[in-house]
Amino acid sequence: MLIVRLLFILSAIAIGVSAVLYLVTQDRKYVDLAWRIARFVLMSLLLTVLLYVLERFALVAL
């Protein structure tokens, strides 16, 4: 769980840095990078929730 939290914190920092870089340079690639990171975080979050749900059902089934 600690690794997941660290991943989300680092992702939030990366999105923030890319947003600041976009505001400074007006280069569109930083917005694209932020969206890619956000999609990765959302997919990771969905996978984590799915694993917790599967774990809950597996424990109930035993």
C-alpha atoms as a PDB file:
ATOM      1  CA  MET A   1       0.000   0.000   0.000  1.00  0.00           C
ATOM      2  CA  LEU A   2       2.922   2.284   0.691  1.00  0.00           C
ATOM      3  CA  ILE A   3       4.181   1.798  -2.848  1.00  0.00           C
ATOM      4  CA  VAL A   4       0.774   2.719  -4.284  1.00  0.00           C
ATOM      5  CA  ARG A   5       0.651   5.908  -2.209  1.00  0.00           C
ATOM      6  CA  LEU A   6       4.172   6.802  -3.265  1.00  0.00           C
ATOM      7  CA  LEU A   7       3.216   6.223  -6.911  1.00  0.00           C
ATOM      8  CA  PHE A   8       0.231   8.559  -6.602  1.00  0.00           C
ATOM      9  CA  ILE A   9       2.242  11.256  -4.846  1.00  0.00           C
ATOM     10  CA  LEU A  10       5.004  11.136  -7.448  1.00  0.00           C
ATOM     11  CA  SER A  11       2.417  11.210 -10.222  1.00  0.00           C
ATOM     12  CA  ALA A  12       0.754  14.282  -8.731  1.00  0.00           C
ATOM     13  CA  ILE A  13       4.134  15.995  -8.520  1.00  0.00           C
ATOM     14  CA  ALA A  14       4.902  15.068 -12.139  1.00  0.00           C
ATOM     15  CA  ILE A  15       1.549  16.422 -13.324  1.00  0.00           C
ATOM     16  CA  GLY A  16       2.137  19.631 -11.402  1.00  0.00           C
ATOM     17  CA  VAL A  17       5.621  20.063 -12.844  1.00  0.00           C
ATOM     18  CA  SER A  18       4.400  19.467 -16.383  1.00  0.00           C
ATOM     19  CA  ALA A  19       1.595  22.004 -15.848  1.00  0.00           C
ATOM     20  CA  VAL A  20       4.095  24.602 -14.668  1.00  0.00           C
ATOM     21  CA  LEU A  21       6.377  23.832 -17.604  1.00  0.00           C
ATOM     22  CA  TYR A  22       3.443  24.296 -19.968  1.00  0.00           C
ATOM     23  CA  LEU A  23       2.597  27.649 -18.408  1.00  0.00           C
ATOM     24  CA  VAL A  24       6.210  28.782 -18.747  1.00  0.00           C
ATOM     25  CA  THR A  25       6.968  27.489 -22.257  1.00  0.00           C
ATOM     26  CA  GLN A  26       3.492  27.213 -23.853  1.00  0.00           C
ATOM     27  CA  ASP A  27       4.675  23.913 -25.387  1.00  0.00           C
ATOM     28  CA  ARG A  28       1.802  21.483 -25.927  1.00  0.00           C
ATOM     29  CA  LYS A  29       3.926  18.385 -25.228  1.00  0.00           C
ATOM     30  CA  TYR A  30       3.766  19.059 -21.482  1.00  0.00           C
ATOM     31  CA  VAL A  31      -0.031  18.943 -21.529  1.00  0.00           C
ATOM     32  CA  ASP A  32       0.134  15.646 -23.405  1.00  0.00           C
ATOM     33  CA  LEU A  33       2.591  14.308 -20.837  1.00  0.00           C
ATOM     34  CA  ALA A  34       0.286  15.322 -17.995  1.00  0.00           C
ATOM     35  CA  TRP A  35      -2.654  13.539 -19.658  1.00  0.00           C
ATOM     36  CA  ARG A  36      -0.587  10.383 -20.171  1.00  0.00           C
ATOM     37  CA  ILE A  37       0.445  10.391 -16.530  1.00  0.00           C
ATOM     38  CA  ALA A  38      -3.164  10.987 -15.440  1.00  0.00           C
ATOM     39  CA  ARG A  39      -4.400   8.082 -17.574  1.00  0.00           C
ATOM     40  CA  PHE A  40      -1.712   5.834 -16.105  1.00  0.00           C
ATOM     41  CA  VAL A  41      -2.718   6.843 -12.586  1.00  0.00           C
ATOM     42  CA  LEU A  42      -6.406   6.218 -13.296  1.00  0.00           C
ATOM     43  CA  MET A  43      -5.670   2.787 -14.762  1.00  0.00           C
ATOM     44  CA  SER A  44      -3.469   1.956 -11.775  1.00  0.00           C
ATOM     45  CA  LEU A  45      -6.203   3.100  -9.413  1.00  0.00           C
ATOM     46  CA  LEU A  46      -8.798   0.960 -11.183  1.00  0.00           C
ATOM     47  CA  LEU A  47      -6.491  -2.053 -11.080  1.00  0.00           C
ATOM     48  CA  THR A  48      -5.815  -1.536  -7.374  1.00  0.00           C
ATOM     49  CA  VAL A  49      -9.528  -1.270  -6.579  1.00  0.00           C
ATOM     50  CA  LEU A  50     -10.221  -4.354  -8.659  1.00  0.00           C
ATOM     51  CA  LEU A  51      -7.571  -6.314  -6.783  1.00  0.00           C
ATOM     52  CA  TYR A  52      -9.023  -5.235  -3.431  1.00  0.00           C
ATOM     53  CA  VAL A  53     -12.504  -6.297  -4.543  1.00  0.00           C
ATOM     54  CA  LEU A  54     -11.219  -9.658  -5.761  1.00  0.00           C
ATOM     55  CA  GLU A  55      -9.356 -10.131  -2.502  1.00  0.00           C
ATOM     56  CA  ARG A  56     -12.526  -9.382  -0.552  1.00  0.00           C
ATOM     57  CA  PHE A  57     -14.524 -11.920  -2.565  1.00  0.00           C
ATOM     58  CA  ALA A  58     -11.770 -14.525  -2.269  1.00  0.00           C
ATOM     59  CA  LEU A  59     -11.699 -14.134   1.517  1.00  0.00           C
ATOM     60  CA  VAL A  60     -15.480 -14.364   1.754  1.00  0.00           C
ATOM     61  CA  ALA A  61     -15.509 -17.486  -0.416  1.00  0.00           C
ATOM     62  CA  LEU A  62     -13.096 -19.250   1.940  1.00  0.00           C
END
